Amino acid sequence: MAEGLLRARAGDQFEIVSAGTRPGTVRSEAILALDELGIDIRSHRSKHVDEFAGQSFRYVITVCDNAREACPIYPADTEMVHWSFEDPSVLEGTVDERLAEFCRIRDQISVRLDSWLKNLSQRRVDPQSPD
């Protein structure tokens, strides 16, 4: 969901890739949750971080604690950003209950991304401003 949200908000500013430490399938609940915002992630696929081994990144954002702990080490010039969100894929319940949780996490990620993008924009205007 984070990849889809970031692509929708700043895909023209960044080359965006997404990967996990335990990839699976893109969950139907994630597709539906982003569909509600007009963001189509049906063509996205779950990727393992190893697919990007050896590549350099300006920013690496982790969105759950497991990913942060298992994330590969990146060069010193990579800015590591960590946001601790619940993993909605492990939640149980009815289809509607699971979708509601995906939407809740989607909204939390969305708020965090907007704040991060605003902060980046301010840092570009004033490179001396604190992170």
N, C-alpha and C. Protein backbone atom coordinates (compact mmCIF):
# COMPACT_ATOMS: atom_id res chain seq x y z
N MET A 1 0.83 -1.19 0.00
CA MET A 1 0.00 0.00 0.00
C MET A 1 0.87 1.25 0.00
N ALA A 2 1.98 1.19 0.73
CA ALA A 2 2.85 2.37 0.80
C ALA A 2 3.38 2.73 -0.59
N GLU A 3 3.76 1.72 -1.36
CA GLU A 3 4.26 1.99 -2.71
C GLU A 3 3.18 2.68 -3.55
N GLY A 4 1.98 2.16 -3.52
CA GLY A 4 0.89 2.74 -4.31
C GLY A 4 0.59 4.16 -3.89
N LEU A 5 0.55 4.40 -2.59
CA LEU A 5 0.29 5.75 -2.09
C LEU A 5 1.40 6.72 -2.48
N LEU A 6 2.65 6.29 -2.33
CA LEU A 6 3.77 7.17 -2.67
C LEU A 6 3.82 7.43 -4.18
N ARG A 7 3.57 6.42 -4.98
CA ARG A 7 3.53 6.63 -6.44
C ARG A 7 2.45 7.66 -6.80
N ALA A 8 1.29 7.56 -6.16
CA ALA A 8 0.19 8.48 -6.46
C ALA A 8 0.54 9.91 -6.06
N ARG A 9 1.28 10.07 -4.98
CA ARG A 9 1.57 11.41 -4.47
C ARG A 9 2.86 12.01 -5.03
N ALA A 10 3.85 11.16 -5.31
CA ALA A 10 5.16 11.71 -5.68
C ALA A 10 5.89 10.87 -6.71
N GLY A 11 5.15 10.12 -7.51
CA GLY A 11 5.77 9.26 -8.51
C GLY A 11 6.58 10.01 -9.54
N ASP A 12 6.29 11.30 -9.68
CA ASP A 12 7.06 12.12 -10.62
C ASP A 12 8.35 12.64 -9.99
N GLN A 13 8.52 12.48 -8.68
CA GLN A 13 9.69 12.99 -7.97
C GLN A 13 10.72 11.90 -7.64
N PHE A 14 10.26 10.67 -7.60
CA PHE A 14 11.11 9.56 -7.17
C PHE A 14 10.92 8.37 -8.08
N GLU A 15 11.96 7.54 -8.15
CA GLU A 15 11.80 6.20 -8.71
C GLU A 15 11.46 5.33 -7.51
N ILE A 16 10.29 4.76 -7.51
CA ILE A 16 9.77 4.07 -6.33
C ILE A 16 9.74 2.57 -6.56
N VAL A 17 10.33 1.84 -5.64
CA VAL A 17 10.25 0.38 -5.66
C VAL A 17 9.84 -0.07 -4.26
N SER A 18 9.28 -1.24 -4.20
CA SER A 18 8.82 -1.77 -2.93
C SER A 18 9.21 -3.22 -2.83
N ALA A 19 9.64 -3.62 -1.63
CA ALA A 19 10.03 -5.01 -1.43
C ALA A 19 9.82 -5.36 0.03
N GLY A 20 9.79 -6.64 0.29
CA GLY A 20 9.62 -7.10 1.65
C GLY A 20 10.61 -8.18 2.00
N THR A 21 10.62 -8.52 3.26
CA THR A 21 11.51 -9.57 3.73
C THR A 21 10.85 -10.94 3.63
N ARG A 22 9.52 -10.93 3.51
CA ARG A 22 8.75 -12.16 3.33
C ARG A 22 7.66 -11.91 2.30
N PRO A 23 8.04 -11.77 1.03
CA PRO A 23 7.03 -11.45 0.03
C PRO A 23 6.04 -12.58 -0.18
N GLY A 24 4.86 -12.20 -0.56
CA GLY A 24 3.81 -13.17 -0.87
C GLY A 24 3.05 -12.67 -2.07
N THR A 25 1.78 -12.47 -1.90
CA THR A 25 0.97 -11.91 -2.98
C THR A 25 0.46 -10.55 -2.53
N VAL A 26 0.09 -9.73 -3.47
CA VAL A 26 -0.54 -8.46 -3.13
C VAL A 26 -1.95 -8.81 -2.69
N ARG A 27 -2.27 -8.48 -1.48
CA ARG A 27 -3.54 -8.88 -0.89
C ARG A 27 -4.71 -8.16 -1.53
N SER A 28 -5.79 -8.88 -1.71
CA SER A 28 -6.98 -8.29 -2.32
C SER A 28 -7.50 -7.13 -1.48
N GLU A 29 -7.33 -7.22 -0.15
CA GLU A 29 -7.77 -6.13 0.71
C GLU A 29 -6.97 -4.85 0.44
N ALA A 30 -5.68 -5.00 0.16
CA ALA A 30 -4.85 -3.84 -0.16
C ALA A 30 -5.31 -3.22 -1.49
N ILE A 31 -5.61 -4.07 -2.45
CA ILE A 31 -6.10 -3.57 -3.75
C ILE A 31 -7.41 -2.81 -3.55
N LEU A 32 -8.33 -3.38 -2.77
CA LEU A 32 -9.61 -2.72 -2.53
C LEU A 32 -9.45 -1.43 -1.74
N ALA A 33 -8.56 -1.45 -0.74
CA ALA A 33 -8.35 -0.26 0.09
C ALA A 33 -7.82 0.91 -0.75
N LEU A 34 -6.93 0.63 -1.67
CA LEU A 34 -6.40 1.70 -2.51
C LEU A 34 -7.37 2.06 -3.63
N ASP A 35 -8.14 1.08 -4.09
CA ASP A 35 -9.19 1.37 -5.08
C ASP A 35 -10.12 2.47 -4.57
N GLU A 36 -10.41 2.43 -3.26
CA GLU A 36 -11.29 3.44 -2.67
C GLU A 36 -10.76 4.85 -2.88
N LEU A 37 -9.44 4.98 -3.05
CA LEU A 37 -8.80 6.28 -3.27
C LEU A 37 -8.51 6.55 -4.75
N GLY A 38 -8.94 5.62 -5.60
CA GLY A 38 -8.67 5.77 -7.02
C GLY A 38 -7.25 5.38 -7.42
N ILE A 39 -6.60 4.58 -6.59
CA ILE A 39 -5.23 4.12 -6.87
C ILE A 39 -5.29 2.65 -7.23
N ASP A 40 -4.81 2.31 -8.42
CA ASP A 40 -4.87 0.93 -8.91
C ASP A 40 -3.51 0.26 -8.73
N ILE A 41 -3.46 -0.75 -7.87
CA ILE A 41 -2.22 -1.49 -7.66
C ILE A 41 -2.33 -2.94 -8.15
N ARG A 42 -3.31 -3.19 -9.00
CA ARG A 42 -3.50 -4.57 -9.49
C ARG A 42 -2.28 -5.12 -10.21
N SER A 43 -1.49 -4.25 -10.83
CA SER A 43 -0.32 -4.72 -11.57
C SER A 43 0.92 -4.85 -10.68
N HIS A 44 0.81 -4.44 -9.42
CA HIS A 44 1.96 -4.55 -8.52
C HIS A 44 2.18 -6.01 -8.15
N ARG A 45 3.42 -6.32 -7.81
CA ARG A 45 3.73 -7.67 -7.36
C ARG A 45 4.61 -7.57 -6.13
N SER A 46 4.51 -8.57 -5.31
CA SER A 46 5.31 -8.64 -4.10
C SER A 46 6.73 -9.06 -4.47
N LYS A 47 7.71 -8.30 -4.00
CA LYS A 47 9.11 -8.56 -4.33
C LYS A 47 9.93 -8.76 -3.06
N HIS A 48 11.00 -9.50 -3.15
CA HIS A 48 11.91 -9.69 -2.02
C HIS A 48 13.02 -8.65 -2.10
N VAL A 49 13.49 -8.21 -0.95
CA VAL A 49 14.55 -7.19 -0.92
C VAL A 49 15.79 -7.64 -1.68
N ASP A 50 16.02 -8.93 -1.77
CA ASP A 50 17.20 -9.43 -2.49
C ASP A 50 17.19 -9.03 -3.97
N GLU A 51 16.01 -8.76 -4.54
CA GLU A 51 15.93 -8.33 -5.94
C GLU A 51 16.67 -7.01 -6.16
N PHE A 52 16.87 -6.26 -5.10
CA PHE A 52 17.48 -4.94 -5.23
C PHE A 52 18.87 -4.87 -4.61
N ALA A 53 19.44 -6.05 -4.33
CA ALA A 53 20.78 -6.12 -3.75
C ALA A 53 21.77 -5.39 -4.65
N GLY A 54 22.63 -4.62 -4.05
CA GLY A 54 23.66 -3.90 -4.79
C GLY A 54 23.21 -2.58 -5.37
N GLN A 55 21.93 -2.28 -5.34
CA GLN A 55 21.45 -0.99 -5.83
C GLN A 55 21.55 0.04 -4.72
N SER A 56 21.74 1.29 -5.12
CA SER A 56 21.78 2.34 -4.11
C SER A 56 20.45 3.08 -4.10
N PHE A 57 20.09 3.54 -2.93
CA PHE A 57 18.84 4.26 -2.73
C PHE A 57 19.11 5.49 -1.89
N ARG A 58 18.44 6.57 -2.20
CA ARG A 58 18.55 7.78 -1.39
C ARG A 58 17.76 7.61 -0.09
N TYR A 59 16.59 6.99 -0.19
CA TYR A 59 15.73 6.76 0.97
C TYR A 59 15.28 5.30 0.98
N VAL A 60 15.24 4.72 2.16
CA VAL A 60 14.64 3.42 2.36
C VAL A 60 13.66 3.59 3.51
N ILE A 61 12.39 3.32 3.23
CA ILE A 61 11.35 3.45 4.23
C ILE A 61 10.86 2.05 4.59
N THR A 62 10.92 1.73 5.88
CA THR A 62 10.35 0.48 6.36
C THR A 62 9.06 0.81 7.09
N VAL A 63 8.06 -0.05 6.93
CA VAL A 63 6.74 0.26 7.49
C VAL A 63 6.27 -0.75 8.54
N CYS A 64 7.13 -1.67 8.91
CA CYS A 64 6.79 -2.56 10.02
C CYS A 64 8.08 -2.98 10.71
N ASP A 65 7.97 -3.35 11.97
CA ASP A 65 9.15 -3.66 12.76
C ASP A 65 9.93 -4.85 12.23
N ASN A 66 9.23 -5.88 11.73
CA ASN A 66 9.94 -7.04 11.18
C ASN A 66 10.83 -6.64 10.01
N ALA A 67 10.32 -5.77 9.15
CA ALA A 67 11.12 -5.32 8.00
C ALA A 67 12.33 -4.53 8.46
N ARG A 68 12.14 -3.70 9.46
CA ARG A 68 13.25 -2.89 9.96
C ARG A 68 14.37 -3.78 10.48
N GLU A 69 13.99 -4.81 11.23
CA GLU A 69 14.98 -5.69 11.83
C GLU A 69 15.69 -6.55 10.79
N ALA A 70 14.98 -6.92 9.72
CA ALA A 70 15.56 -7.82 8.72
C ALA A 70 16.06 -7.08 7.48
N CYS A 71 15.94 -5.77 7.48
CA CYS A 71 16.32 -4.97 6.31
C CYS A 71 17.83 -5.05 6.08
N PRO A 72 18.24 -5.18 4.84
CA PRO A 72 19.67 -5.20 4.54
C PRO A 72 20.34 -3.89 4.97
N ILE A 73 21.64 -3.94 5.08
CA ILE A 73 22.42 -2.75 5.41
C ILE A 73 22.65 -1.98 4.11
N TYR A 74 22.42 -0.68 4.17
CA TYR A 74 22.61 0.18 3.00
C TYR A 74 23.75 1.14 3.26
N PRO A 75 24.34 1.70 2.20
CA PRO A 75 25.45 2.64 2.37
C PRO A 75 25.05 3.82 3.26
N ALA A 76 26.06 4.48 3.81
CA ALA A 76 25.85 5.57 4.76
C ALA A 76 25.04 6.72 4.17
N ASP A 77 25.07 6.91 2.86
CA ASP A 77 24.34 8.03 2.27
C ASP A 77 22.85 7.71 2.04
N THR A 78 22.42 6.51 2.42
CA THR A 78 21.01 6.16 2.34
C THR A 78 20.32 6.62 3.61
N GLU A 79 19.27 7.39 3.46
CA GLU A 79 18.51 7.84 4.61
C GLU A 79 17.48 6.76 4.95
N MET A 80 17.64 6.19 6.13
CA MET A 80 16.72 5.15 6.59
C MET A 80 15.59 5.80 7.36
N VAL A 81 14.36 5.47 6.98
CA VAL A 81 13.16 6.01 7.62
C VAL A 81 12.35 4.80 8.09
N HIS A 82 11.94 4.81 9.35
CA HIS A 82 11.14 3.69 9.85
C HIS A 82 9.84 4.20 10.44
N TRP A 83 8.75 3.59 10.01
CA TRP A 83 7.43 3.85 10.55
C TRP A 83 6.85 2.52 10.99
N SER A 84 6.47 2.44 12.23
CA SER A 84 5.97 1.18 12.78
C SER A 84 4.45 1.11 12.65
N PHE A 85 3.99 0.36 11.66
CA PHE A 85 2.56 0.12 11.46
C PHE A 85 2.27 -1.35 11.70
N GLU A 86 1.05 -1.63 12.13
CA GLU A 86 0.64 -3.02 12.23
C GLU A 86 0.64 -3.62 10.82
N ASP A 87 0.91 -4.91 10.74
CA ASP A 87 0.85 -5.61 9.47
C ASP A 87 -0.57 -6.11 9.28
N PRO A 88 -1.36 -5.47 8.41
CA PRO A 88 -2.75 -5.87 8.27
C PRO A 88 -2.92 -7.25 7.64
N SER A 89 -1.89 -7.77 7.02
CA SER A 89 -2.03 -9.08 6.37
C SER A 89 -2.14 -10.21 7.38
N VAL A 90 -1.78 -9.98 8.63
CA VAL A 90 -1.87 -11.05 9.63
C VAL A 90 -3.19 -11.00 10.40
N LEU A 91 -4.00 -9.99 10.12
CA LEU A 91 -5.26 -9.85 10.84
C LEU A 91 -6.29 -10.85 10.35
N GLU A 92 -7.11 -11.31 11.26
CA GLU A 92 -8.16 -12.26 10.92
C GLU A 92 -9.52 -11.58 11.05
N GLY A 93 -10.54 -12.27 10.62
CA GLY A 93 -11.89 -11.75 10.72
C GLY A 93 -12.61 -11.92 9.41
N THR A 94 -13.78 -11.31 9.32
CA THR A 94 -14.56 -11.38 8.09
C THR A 94 -13.87 -10.54 7.02
N VAL A 95 -14.32 -10.69 5.80
CA VAL A 95 -13.78 -9.89 4.70
C VAL A 95 -13.92 -8.41 5.01
N ASP A 96 -15.09 -8.01 5.49
CA ASP A 96 -15.33 -6.60 5.81
C ASP A 96 -14.44 -6.12 6.95
N GLU A 97 -14.23 -6.96 7.95
CA GLU A 97 -13.36 -6.57 9.08
C GLU A 97 -11.91 -6.42 8.62
N ARG A 98 -11.46 -7.33 7.80
CA ARG A 98 -10.08 -7.24 7.29
C ARG A 98 -9.92 -6.01 6.41
N LEU A 99 -10.88 -5.75 5.55
CA LEU A 99 -10.81 -4.57 4.69
C LEU A 99 -10.78 -3.30 5.53
N ALA A 100 -11.58 -3.26 6.58
CA ALA A 100 -11.58 -2.08 7.45
C ALA A 100 -10.21 -1.85 8.07
N GLU A 101 -9.54 -2.93 8.46
CA GLU A 101 -8.19 -2.80 9.04
C GLU A 101 -7.18 -2.35 7.98
N PHE A 102 -7.28 -2.88 6.78
CA PHE A 102 -6.39 -2.43 5.71
C PHE A 102 -6.61 -0.95 5.44
N CYS A 103 -7.85 -0.51 5.46
CA CYS A 103 -8.15 0.92 5.24
C CYS A 103 -7.61 1.77 6.38
N ARG A 104 -7.70 1.27 7.59
CA ARG A 104 -7.17 2.00 8.75
C ARG A 104 -5.65 2.18 8.63
N ILE A 105 -4.96 1.10 8.29
CA ILE A 105 -3.51 1.17 8.12
C ILE A 105 -3.16 2.03 6.91
N ARG A 106 -3.92 1.90 5.83
CA ARG A 106 -3.73 2.74 4.64
C ARG A 106 -3.77 4.21 5.03
N ASP A 107 -4.76 4.58 5.83
CA ASP A 107 -4.91 5.98 6.22
C ASP A 107 -3.76 6.45 7.10
N GLN A 108 -3.27 5.57 7.97
CA GLN A 108 -2.11 5.92 8.80
C GLN A 108 -0.86 6.13 7.93
N ILE A 109 -0.65 5.23 6.99
CA ILE A 109 0.49 5.36 6.08
C ILE A 109 0.36 6.64 5.26
N SER A 110 -0.83 6.93 4.81
CA SER A 110 -1.08 8.11 4.00
C SER A 110 -0.70 9.39 4.75
N VAL A 111 -1.12 9.48 6.00
CA VAL A 111 -0.80 10.66 6.82
C VAL A 111 0.71 10.78 6.99
N ARG A 112 1.38 9.67 7.26
CA ARG A 112 2.83 9.67 7.46
C ARG A 112 3.55 10.07 6.19
N LEU A 113 3.11 9.53 5.04
CA LEU A 113 3.74 9.89 3.76
C LEU A 113 3.58 11.38 3.48
N ASP A 114 2.38 11.90 3.69
CA ASP A 114 2.15 13.33 3.43
C ASP A 114 3.07 14.19 4.30
N SER A 115 3.21 13.82 5.55
CA SER A 115 4.09 14.57 6.46
C SER A 115 5.54 14.47 6.01
N TRP A 116 5.97 13.28 5.63
CA TRP A 116 7.34 13.07 5.18
C TRP A 116 7.63 13.86 3.91
N LEU A 117 6.70 13.82 2.96
CA LEU A 117 6.88 14.58 1.72
C LEU A 117 6.93 16.08 1.99
N LYS A 118 6.10 16.55 2.89
CA LYS A 118 6.11 17.98 3.25
C LYS A 118 7.45 18.34 3.88
N ASN A 119 7.95 17.48 4.76
CA ASN A 119 9.25 17.71 5.39
C ASN A 119 10.36 17.74 4.36
N LEU A 120 10.33 16.81 3.41
CA LEU A 120 11.35 16.79 2.35
C LEU A 120 11.31 18.07 1.54
N SER A 121 10.12 18.51 1.23
CA SER A 121 9.96 19.74 0.46
C SER A 121 10.55 20.93 1.22
N GLN A 122 10.31 21.00 2.51
CA GLN A 122 10.86 22.09 3.32
C GLN A 122 12.37 22.00 3.41
N ARG A 123 12.91 20.79 3.49
CA ARG A 123 14.37 20.61 3.55
C ARG A 123 15.02 21.05 2.24
N ARG A 124 14.33 20.86 1.13
CA ARG A 124 14.90 21.29 -0.15
C ARG A 124 14.95 22.80 -0.24
N VAL A 125 13.95 23.46 0.34
CA VAL A 125 13.92 24.93 0.36
C VAL A 125 14.97 25.45 1.33
N ASP A 126 15.09 24.81 2.50
CA ASP A 126 16.04 25.22 3.52
C ASP A 126 16.87 24.01 3.91
N PRO A 127 18.00 23.76 3.22
CA PRO A 127 18.80 22.56 3.49
C PRO A 127 19.34 22.49 4.91
N GLN A 128 19.32 23.60 5.65
CA GLN A 128 19.83 23.60 7.02
C GLN A 128 18.75 23.22 8.03
N SER A 129 17.51 23.09 7.59
CA SER A 129 16.44 22.76 8.54
C SER A 129 16.64 21.35 9.06
N PRO A 130 16.29 21.12 10.33
CA PRO A 130 16.48 19.78 10.92
C PRO A 130 15.52 18.78 10.31
N ASP A 131 15.90 17.49 10.37
CA ASP A 131 15.04 16.41 9.86
C ASP A 131 13.83 16.27 10.65
